[in-house]
N, C-alpha and C. Protein backbone atom coordinates (compact mmCIF):
# COMPACT_ATOMS: atom_id res chain seq x y z
N UNK A 1 89.77 -81.73 -113.93
CA UNK A 1 90.92 -81.11 -113.29
C UNK A 1 91.72 -80.38 -114.36
N UNK A 2 92.18 -79.22 -113.99
CA UNK A 2 93.10 -78.50 -114.87
C UNK A 2 94.42 -78.33 -114.13
N UNK A 3 95.46 -78.11 -114.89
CA UNK A 3 96.77 -77.93 -114.29
C UNK A 3 97.56 -76.92 -115.10
N UNK A 4 98.53 -76.35 -114.46
CA UNK A 4 99.47 -75.49 -115.17
C UNK A 4 100.85 -75.88 -114.73
N UNK A 5 101.81 -75.79 -115.64
CA UNK A 5 103.12 -76.41 -115.44
C UNK A 5 104.07 -75.68 -114.51
N UNK A 6 104.29 -74.42 -114.77
CA UNK A 6 105.41 -73.78 -114.08
C UNK A 6 105.00 -72.72 -113.07
N UNK A 7 103.75 -72.51 -112.84
CA UNK A 7 103.30 -71.53 -111.86
C UNK A 7 103.48 -70.09 -112.29
N UNK A 8 103.77 -69.88 -113.58
CA UNK A 8 103.99 -68.51 -114.05
C UNK A 8 102.70 -67.76 -114.34
N UNK A 9 101.58 -68.47 -114.29
CA UNK A 9 100.27 -67.84 -114.52
C UNK A 9 99.35 -68.20 -113.37
N UNK A 10 98.37 -67.38 -113.09
CA UNK A 10 97.39 -67.76 -112.05
C UNK A 10 96.56 -68.96 -112.51
N UNK A 11 96.13 -69.78 -111.57
CA UNK A 11 95.31 -70.94 -111.90
C UNK A 11 94.03 -70.50 -112.62
N UNK A 12 93.51 -69.34 -112.26
CA UNK A 12 92.32 -68.81 -112.94
C UNK A 12 92.55 -68.75 -114.45
N UNK A 13 93.75 -68.36 -114.86
CA UNK A 13 94.05 -68.25 -116.29
C UNK A 13 94.05 -69.63 -116.96
N UNK A 14 94.49 -70.67 -116.22
CA UNK A 14 94.46 -72.02 -116.77
C UNK A 14 93.02 -72.44 -117.05
N UNK A 15 92.11 -72.08 -116.15
CA UNK A 15 90.70 -72.40 -116.37
C UNK A 15 90.14 -71.55 -117.50
N UNK A 16 90.43 -70.27 -117.49
CA UNK A 16 89.91 -69.38 -118.53
C UNK A 16 90.37 -69.80 -119.92
N UNK A 17 91.63 -70.19 -120.03
CA UNK A 17 92.19 -70.57 -121.34
C UNK A 17 91.54 -71.84 -121.88
N UNK A 18 91.09 -72.71 -120.97
CA UNK A 18 90.50 -73.98 -121.37
C UNK A 18 88.98 -74.00 -121.22
N UNK A 19 88.38 -72.82 -121.08
CA UNK A 19 86.94 -72.70 -120.82
C UNK A 19 86.11 -73.53 -121.80
N UNK A 20 86.35 -73.35 -123.08
CA UNK A 20 85.55 -74.05 -124.10
C UNK A 20 85.69 -75.56 -123.96
N UNK A 21 86.90 -76.04 -123.77
CA UNK A 21 87.16 -77.46 -123.60
C UNK A 21 86.41 -78.01 -122.38
N UNK A 22 86.47 -77.29 -121.28
CA UNK A 22 85.82 -77.72 -120.04
C UNK A 22 84.30 -77.78 -120.23
N UNK A 23 83.74 -76.75 -120.85
CA UNK A 23 82.29 -76.73 -121.08
C UNK A 23 81.86 -77.88 -121.98
N UNK A 24 82.59 -78.10 -123.07
CA UNK A 24 82.22 -79.18 -123.98
C UNK A 24 82.29 -80.53 -123.28
N UNK A 25 83.30 -80.71 -122.45
CA UNK A 25 83.42 -81.97 -121.71
C UNK A 25 82.26 -82.12 -120.71
N UNK A 26 81.89 -81.05 -120.04
CA UNK A 26 80.77 -81.09 -119.09
C UNK A 26 79.48 -81.53 -119.77
N UNK A 27 79.25 -81.02 -120.96
CA UNK A 27 78.04 -81.38 -121.70
C UNK A 27 78.08 -82.86 -122.11
N UNK A 28 79.26 -83.38 -122.38
CA UNK A 28 79.35 -84.79 -122.74
C UNK A 28 79.10 -85.68 -121.51
N UNK A 29 79.52 -85.22 -120.35
CA UNK A 29 79.25 -85.98 -119.12
C UNK A 29 77.80 -85.86 -118.68
N UNK A 30 77.26 -84.68 -118.81
CA UNK A 30 75.88 -84.40 -118.37
C UNK A 30 75.11 -83.79 -119.54
N UNK A 31 74.55 -84.61 -120.42
CA UNK A 31 73.89 -84.11 -121.63
C UNK A 31 72.82 -83.06 -121.39
N UNK A 32 72.16 -83.08 -120.25
CA UNK A 32 71.13 -82.08 -119.99
C UNK A 32 71.70 -80.66 -119.93
N UNK A 33 73.00 -80.54 -119.77
CA UNK A 33 73.63 -79.22 -119.72
C UNK A 33 73.72 -78.57 -121.09
N UNK A 34 73.48 -79.32 -122.14
CA UNK A 34 73.57 -78.75 -123.49
C UNK A 34 72.60 -77.60 -123.68
N UNK A 35 71.52 -77.59 -122.90
CA UNK A 35 70.53 -76.51 -123.01
C UNK A 35 70.96 -75.28 -122.22
N UNK A 36 71.97 -75.41 -121.39
CA UNK A 36 72.44 -74.29 -120.57
C UNK A 36 73.90 -73.98 -120.87
N UNK A 37 74.36 -74.35 -122.06
CA UNK A 37 75.77 -74.25 -122.41
C UNK A 37 76.34 -72.86 -122.14
N UNK A 38 75.64 -71.81 -122.54
CA UNK A 38 76.16 -70.46 -122.37
C UNK A 38 76.06 -69.94 -120.95
N UNK A 39 75.33 -70.64 -120.09
CA UNK A 39 75.18 -70.16 -118.72
C UNK A 39 75.89 -71.05 -117.70
N UNK A 40 76.68 -72.01 -118.16
CA UNK A 40 77.41 -72.86 -117.22
C UNK A 40 78.37 -72.02 -116.39
N UNK A 41 78.51 -72.38 -115.14
CA UNK A 41 79.44 -71.68 -114.25
C UNK A 41 80.64 -72.59 -113.98
N UNK A 42 81.81 -72.00 -113.94
CA UNK A 42 83.02 -72.72 -113.56
C UNK A 42 83.54 -72.11 -112.26
N UNK A 43 83.95 -72.97 -111.35
CA UNK A 43 84.46 -72.55 -110.05
C UNK A 43 85.83 -73.17 -109.84
N UNK A 44 86.65 -72.48 -109.10
CA UNK A 44 88.00 -72.94 -108.81
C UNK A 44 88.08 -73.33 -107.34
N UNK A 45 88.63 -74.51 -107.08
CA UNK A 45 88.87 -74.98 -105.72
C UNK A 45 90.35 -75.32 -105.60
N UNK A 46 90.86 -75.36 -104.38
CA UNK A 46 92.28 -75.68 -104.21
C UNK A 46 92.62 -77.06 -104.77
N UNK A 47 93.86 -77.22 -105.22
CA UNK A 47 94.32 -78.50 -105.72
C UNK A 47 94.21 -79.58 -104.66
N UNK A 48 93.97 -80.79 -105.10
CA UNK A 48 93.86 -81.96 -104.22
C UNK A 48 92.77 -81.82 -103.16
N UNK A 49 91.70 -81.12 -103.50
CA UNK A 49 90.60 -80.95 -102.53
C UNK A 49 89.38 -81.80 -102.88
N UNK A 50 89.51 -82.70 -103.86
CA UNK A 50 88.37 -83.48 -104.33
C UNK A 50 87.70 -84.27 -103.20
N UNK A 51 88.49 -84.92 -102.36
CA UNK A 51 87.91 -85.74 -101.29
C UNK A 51 87.09 -84.89 -100.33
N UNK A 52 87.64 -83.76 -99.92
CA UNK A 52 86.91 -82.89 -99.00
C UNK A 52 85.69 -82.28 -99.67
N UNK A 53 85.80 -81.97 -100.97
CA UNK A 53 84.63 -81.45 -101.69
C UNK A 53 83.54 -82.51 -101.74
N UNK A 54 83.92 -83.76 -101.99
CA UNK A 54 82.93 -84.83 -102.09
C UNK A 54 82.22 -85.05 -100.75
N UNK A 55 82.85 -84.66 -99.67
CA UNK A 55 82.24 -84.75 -98.34
C UNK A 55 81.43 -83.49 -98.01
N UNK A 56 81.35 -82.57 -98.99
CA UNK A 56 80.64 -81.30 -98.80
C UNK A 56 81.20 -80.50 -97.63
N UNK A 57 82.50 -80.53 -97.49
CA UNK A 57 83.16 -79.77 -96.45
C UNK A 57 83.09 -78.28 -96.80
N UNK A 58 82.34 -77.50 -96.00
CA UNK A 58 82.20 -76.08 -96.32
C UNK A 58 83.49 -75.28 -96.16
N UNK A 59 84.52 -75.89 -95.59
CA UNK A 59 85.79 -75.18 -95.43
C UNK A 59 86.57 -75.11 -96.73
N UNK A 60 86.17 -75.90 -97.74
CA UNK A 60 86.84 -75.87 -99.03
C UNK A 60 86.31 -74.66 -99.79
N UNK A 61 87.16 -73.68 -100.04
CA UNK A 61 86.69 -72.47 -100.72
C UNK A 61 86.48 -72.68 -102.21
N UNK A 62 85.41 -72.15 -102.72
CA UNK A 62 85.12 -72.16 -104.14
C UNK A 62 85.17 -70.73 -104.62
N UNK A 63 85.90 -70.47 -105.69
CA UNK A 63 86.01 -69.12 -106.25
C UNK A 63 85.41 -69.15 -107.64
N UNK A 64 84.41 -68.31 -107.91
CA UNK A 64 83.83 -68.31 -109.25
C UNK A 64 84.80 -67.76 -110.28
N UNK A 65 84.80 -68.38 -111.45
CA UNK A 65 85.61 -67.90 -112.57
C UNK A 65 84.68 -67.12 -113.49
N UNK A 66 85.02 -65.89 -113.75
CA UNK A 66 84.16 -65.03 -114.55
C UNK A 66 84.45 -65.22 -116.04
N UNK A 67 83.46 -65.74 -116.75
CA UNK A 67 83.60 -65.97 -118.19
C UNK A 67 84.02 -64.70 -118.94
N UNK A 68 83.56 -63.57 -118.45
CA UNK A 68 83.85 -62.29 -119.12
C UNK A 68 85.34 -61.96 -119.09
N UNK A 69 86.12 -62.67 -118.27
CA UNK A 69 87.56 -62.40 -118.16
C UNK A 69 88.38 -63.30 -119.10
N UNK A 70 87.73 -64.05 -120.00
CA UNK A 70 88.45 -64.99 -120.87
C UNK A 70 89.55 -64.34 -121.69
N UNK A 71 89.34 -63.10 -122.10
CA UNK A 71 90.36 -62.45 -122.94
C UNK A 71 91.68 -62.27 -122.20
N UNK A 72 91.66 -62.29 -120.88
CA UNK A 72 92.90 -62.15 -120.11
C UNK A 72 93.86 -63.32 -120.34
N UNK A 73 93.30 -64.46 -120.69
CA UNK A 73 94.11 -65.67 -120.82
C UNK A 73 94.38 -66.06 -122.27
N UNK A 74 93.99 -65.23 -123.21
CA UNK A 74 94.15 -65.58 -124.63
C UNK A 74 95.61 -65.82 -125.02
N UNK A 75 96.55 -65.16 -124.38
CA UNK A 75 97.95 -65.30 -124.74
C UNK A 75 98.67 -66.41 -123.97
N UNK A 76 97.96 -67.11 -123.09
CA UNK A 76 98.57 -68.20 -122.34
C UNK A 76 98.79 -69.38 -123.27
N UNK A 77 100.00 -69.88 -123.32
CA UNK A 77 100.34 -71.00 -124.19
C UNK A 77 99.69 -72.28 -123.66
N UNK A 78 99.04 -73.01 -124.55
CA UNK A 78 98.43 -74.27 -124.14
C UNK A 78 99.49 -75.31 -123.76
N UNK A 79 100.74 -75.04 -124.12
CA UNK A 79 101.83 -75.94 -123.73
C UNK A 79 102.06 -75.93 -122.22
N UNK A 80 101.55 -74.89 -121.54
CA UNK A 80 101.71 -74.78 -120.10
C UNK A 80 100.55 -75.41 -119.33
N UNK A 81 99.54 -75.89 -120.04
CA UNK A 81 98.30 -76.31 -119.40
C UNK A 81 98.07 -77.81 -119.52
N UNK A 82 97.20 -78.29 -118.66
CA UNK A 82 96.79 -79.69 -118.72
C UNK A 82 95.33 -79.80 -118.34
N UNK A 83 94.68 -80.83 -118.84
CA UNK A 83 93.27 -81.09 -118.55
C UNK A 83 93.13 -82.59 -118.33
N UNK A 84 92.65 -82.99 -117.16
CA UNK A 84 92.49 -84.39 -116.80
C UNK A 84 91.00 -84.66 -116.62
N UNK A 85 90.31 -85.03 -117.70
CA UNK A 85 88.85 -85.18 -117.63
C UNK A 85 88.43 -86.54 -117.08
N UNK A 86 87.18 -86.60 -116.64
CA UNK A 86 86.55 -87.88 -116.34
C UNK A 86 85.93 -88.39 -117.63
N UNK A 87 85.93 -89.71 -117.80
CA UNK A 87 85.34 -90.31 -119.00
C UNK A 87 84.28 -91.31 -118.59
N UNK A 88 83.11 -91.22 -119.20
CA UNK A 88 82.05 -92.18 -118.93
C UNK A 88 82.37 -93.51 -119.60
N UNK A 89 82.07 -94.60 -118.89
CA UNK A 89 82.25 -95.92 -119.48
C UNK A 89 80.92 -96.65 -119.57
N UNK A 90 79.83 -96.00 -119.21
CA UNK A 90 78.51 -96.60 -119.25
C UNK A 90 77.53 -95.55 -119.76
N UNK A 91 76.48 -95.97 -120.41
CA UNK A 91 75.49 -95.03 -120.91
C UNK A 91 74.91 -94.20 -119.80
N UNK A 92 74.62 -92.96 -120.13
CA UNK A 92 74.04 -92.02 -119.18
C UNK A 92 72.54 -91.98 -119.40
N UNK A 93 71.77 -91.99 -118.33
CA UNK A 93 70.32 -91.95 -118.39
C UNK A 93 69.85 -90.54 -118.12
N UNK A 94 69.25 -89.88 -119.13
CA UNK A 94 68.78 -88.50 -118.98
C UNK A 94 67.75 -88.35 -117.86
N UNK A 95 67.07 -89.43 -117.50
CA UNK A 95 66.03 -89.35 -116.46
C UNK A 95 66.61 -89.57 -115.07
N UNK A 96 67.87 -89.86 -114.98
CA UNK A 96 68.50 -90.14 -113.69
C UNK A 96 69.15 -88.87 -113.18
N UNK A 97 68.40 -88.08 -112.42
CA UNK A 97 68.89 -86.78 -111.93
C UNK A 97 70.04 -86.92 -110.94
N UNK A 98 70.14 -88.07 -110.30
CA UNK A 98 71.22 -88.27 -109.32
C UNK A 98 72.47 -88.85 -109.95
N UNK A 99 72.43 -89.07 -111.24
CA UNK A 99 73.61 -89.58 -111.94
C UNK A 99 74.05 -90.94 -111.41
N UNK A 100 73.09 -91.72 -110.90
CA UNK A 100 73.43 -92.98 -110.25
C UNK A 100 74.05 -94.02 -111.18
N UNK A 101 73.71 -93.98 -112.46
CA UNK A 101 74.23 -95.03 -113.33
C UNK A 101 75.36 -94.55 -114.22
N UNK A 102 75.85 -93.35 -114.02
CA UNK A 102 76.98 -92.87 -114.81
C UNK A 102 78.26 -93.20 -114.06
N UNK A 103 79.17 -93.87 -114.74
CA UNK A 103 80.43 -94.23 -114.10
C UNK A 103 81.58 -93.81 -114.98
N UNK A 104 82.74 -93.66 -114.38
CA UNK A 104 83.94 -93.32 -115.13
C UNK A 104 84.83 -94.54 -115.18
N UNK A 105 85.93 -94.42 -115.91
CA UNK A 105 86.87 -95.51 -116.00
C UNK A 105 87.21 -96.08 -114.63
N UNK A 106 87.26 -97.38 -114.50
CA UNK A 106 87.54 -98.01 -113.22
C UNK A 106 86.28 -98.25 -112.40
N UNK A 107 85.11 -97.87 -112.94
CA UNK A 107 83.86 -98.13 -112.24
C UNK A 107 83.50 -97.11 -111.18
N UNK A 108 84.22 -96.00 -111.10
CA UNK A 108 83.91 -94.97 -110.11
C UNK A 108 82.70 -94.15 -110.56
N UNK A 109 81.98 -93.59 -109.59
CA UNK A 109 80.88 -92.69 -109.90
C UNK A 109 81.44 -91.41 -110.52
N UNK A 110 80.65 -90.77 -111.38
CA UNK A 110 81.03 -89.47 -111.91
C UNK A 110 81.09 -88.49 -110.75
N UNK A 111 82.16 -87.74 -110.67
CA UNK A 111 82.35 -86.80 -109.57
C UNK A 111 81.71 -85.47 -109.92
N UNK A 112 80.84 -85.00 -109.07
CA UNK A 112 80.26 -83.68 -109.24
C UNK A 112 80.02 -83.07 -107.88
N UNK A 113 79.92 -81.77 -107.85
CA UNK A 113 79.73 -81.03 -106.60
C UNK A 113 78.59 -80.06 -106.81
N UNK A 114 77.71 -79.99 -105.84
CA UNK A 114 76.62 -79.01 -105.88
C UNK A 114 76.91 -77.93 -104.83
N UNK A 115 76.83 -76.69 -105.25
CA UNK A 115 77.03 -75.57 -104.34
C UNK A 115 75.98 -74.50 -104.60
N UNK A 116 75.76 -73.63 -103.62
CA UNK A 116 74.88 -72.48 -103.80
C UNK A 116 75.56 -71.46 -104.70
N UNK A 117 74.82 -70.45 -105.11
CA UNK A 117 75.37 -69.41 -105.99
C UNK A 117 76.57 -68.69 -105.39
N UNK A 118 76.68 -68.68 -104.06
CA UNK A 118 77.81 -68.02 -103.42
C UNK A 118 78.98 -68.96 -103.15
N UNK A 119 78.86 -70.22 -103.59
CA UNK A 119 79.92 -71.20 -103.39
C UNK A 119 79.79 -72.01 -102.12
N UNK A 120 78.79 -71.72 -101.29
CA UNK A 120 78.61 -72.46 -100.04
C UNK A 120 77.89 -73.78 -100.28
N UNK A 121 78.02 -74.69 -99.33
CA UNK A 121 77.38 -76.00 -99.43
C UNK A 121 75.89 -75.84 -99.11
N UNK A 122 75.00 -76.35 -99.96
CA UNK A 122 73.57 -76.29 -99.66
C UNK A 122 73.27 -77.05 -98.36
N UNK A 123 72.37 -76.52 -97.57
CA UNK A 123 72.04 -77.11 -96.28
C UNK A 123 71.61 -78.56 -96.42
N UNK A 124 70.86 -78.89 -97.46
CA UNK A 124 70.37 -80.26 -97.61
C UNK A 124 71.49 -81.28 -97.85
N UNK A 125 72.69 -80.81 -98.17
CA UNK A 125 73.82 -81.72 -98.38
C UNK A 125 74.69 -81.89 -97.14
N UNK A 126 74.49 -81.04 -96.15
CA UNK A 126 75.28 -81.16 -94.93
C UNK A 126 74.82 -82.36 -94.11
N UNK A 127 75.73 -83.06 -93.47
CA UNK A 127 75.32 -84.14 -92.57
C UNK A 127 74.45 -83.56 -91.44
N UNK A 128 73.51 -84.34 -90.95
CA UNK A 128 72.57 -83.86 -89.92
C UNK A 128 73.30 -83.24 -88.73
N UNK A 129 74.37 -83.90 -88.28
CA UNK A 129 75.07 -83.38 -87.10
C UNK A 129 75.77 -82.05 -87.38
N UNK A 130 76.04 -81.76 -88.64
CA UNK A 130 76.70 -80.49 -88.98
C UNK A 130 75.68 -79.36 -89.10
N UNK A 131 74.42 -79.68 -89.29
CA UNK A 131 73.39 -78.64 -89.43
C UNK A 131 73.11 -77.92 -88.14
N UNK A 132 73.37 -78.57 -87.01
CA UNK A 132 73.04 -77.98 -85.72
C UNK A 132 74.21 -77.28 -85.06
N UNK A 133 75.35 -77.18 -85.72
CA UNK A 133 76.50 -76.51 -85.14
C UNK A 133 77.19 -75.68 -86.21
N UNK A 134 78.14 -74.90 -85.80
CA UNK A 134 78.94 -74.17 -86.78
C UNK A 134 79.79 -75.18 -87.55
N UNK A 135 79.86 -75.00 -88.87
CA UNK A 135 80.61 -75.95 -89.67
C UNK A 135 82.05 -76.03 -89.24
N UNK A 136 82.62 -74.93 -88.70
CA UNK A 136 84.01 -74.96 -88.29
C UNK A 136 84.22 -75.95 -87.14
N UNK A 137 83.16 -76.13 -86.30
CA UNK A 137 83.26 -77.07 -85.18
C UNK A 137 83.12 -78.52 -85.64
N UNK A 138 82.35 -78.71 -86.72
CA UNK A 138 82.10 -80.07 -87.20
C UNK A 138 83.24 -80.59 -88.07
N UNK A 139 83.71 -79.76 -88.97
CA UNK A 139 84.78 -80.16 -89.88
C UNK A 139 86.12 -79.73 -89.32
N UNK A 140 86.77 -80.64 -88.64
CA UNK A 140 88.09 -80.35 -88.09
C UNK A 140 89.10 -81.24 -88.78
N UNK A 141 90.27 -80.69 -89.08
CA UNK A 141 91.30 -81.49 -89.77
C UNK A 141 91.74 -82.68 -88.94
């Protein structure tokens, strides 16, 4: 999670300014990403949307952050930003593709989200009942 203090900058800039930190942390959580370090993608979702994202709710919009725009945020003061990372408390198994044995402080599973290149939820992650209808009909507030 990233944060910005006073709302004087776009959230995209908070992510762009902390790009390197976020990437390095991702590699520490998921060591297999070290081979794709330069090609990692960062996406922005609305604040406090973690629960709905974990349910693969397609109504949660994901906006790609373009690495090429990093220079736009170079002048953003780090005093305005925050980063709330997840920390592993158990060894990670490189052969465990589902991340089943990686946990964070408090014994929670490592939180991750899988999306298609356009930010949509992959069909295989949708609940069966949601596959046969429009997602707007299935996911109602």
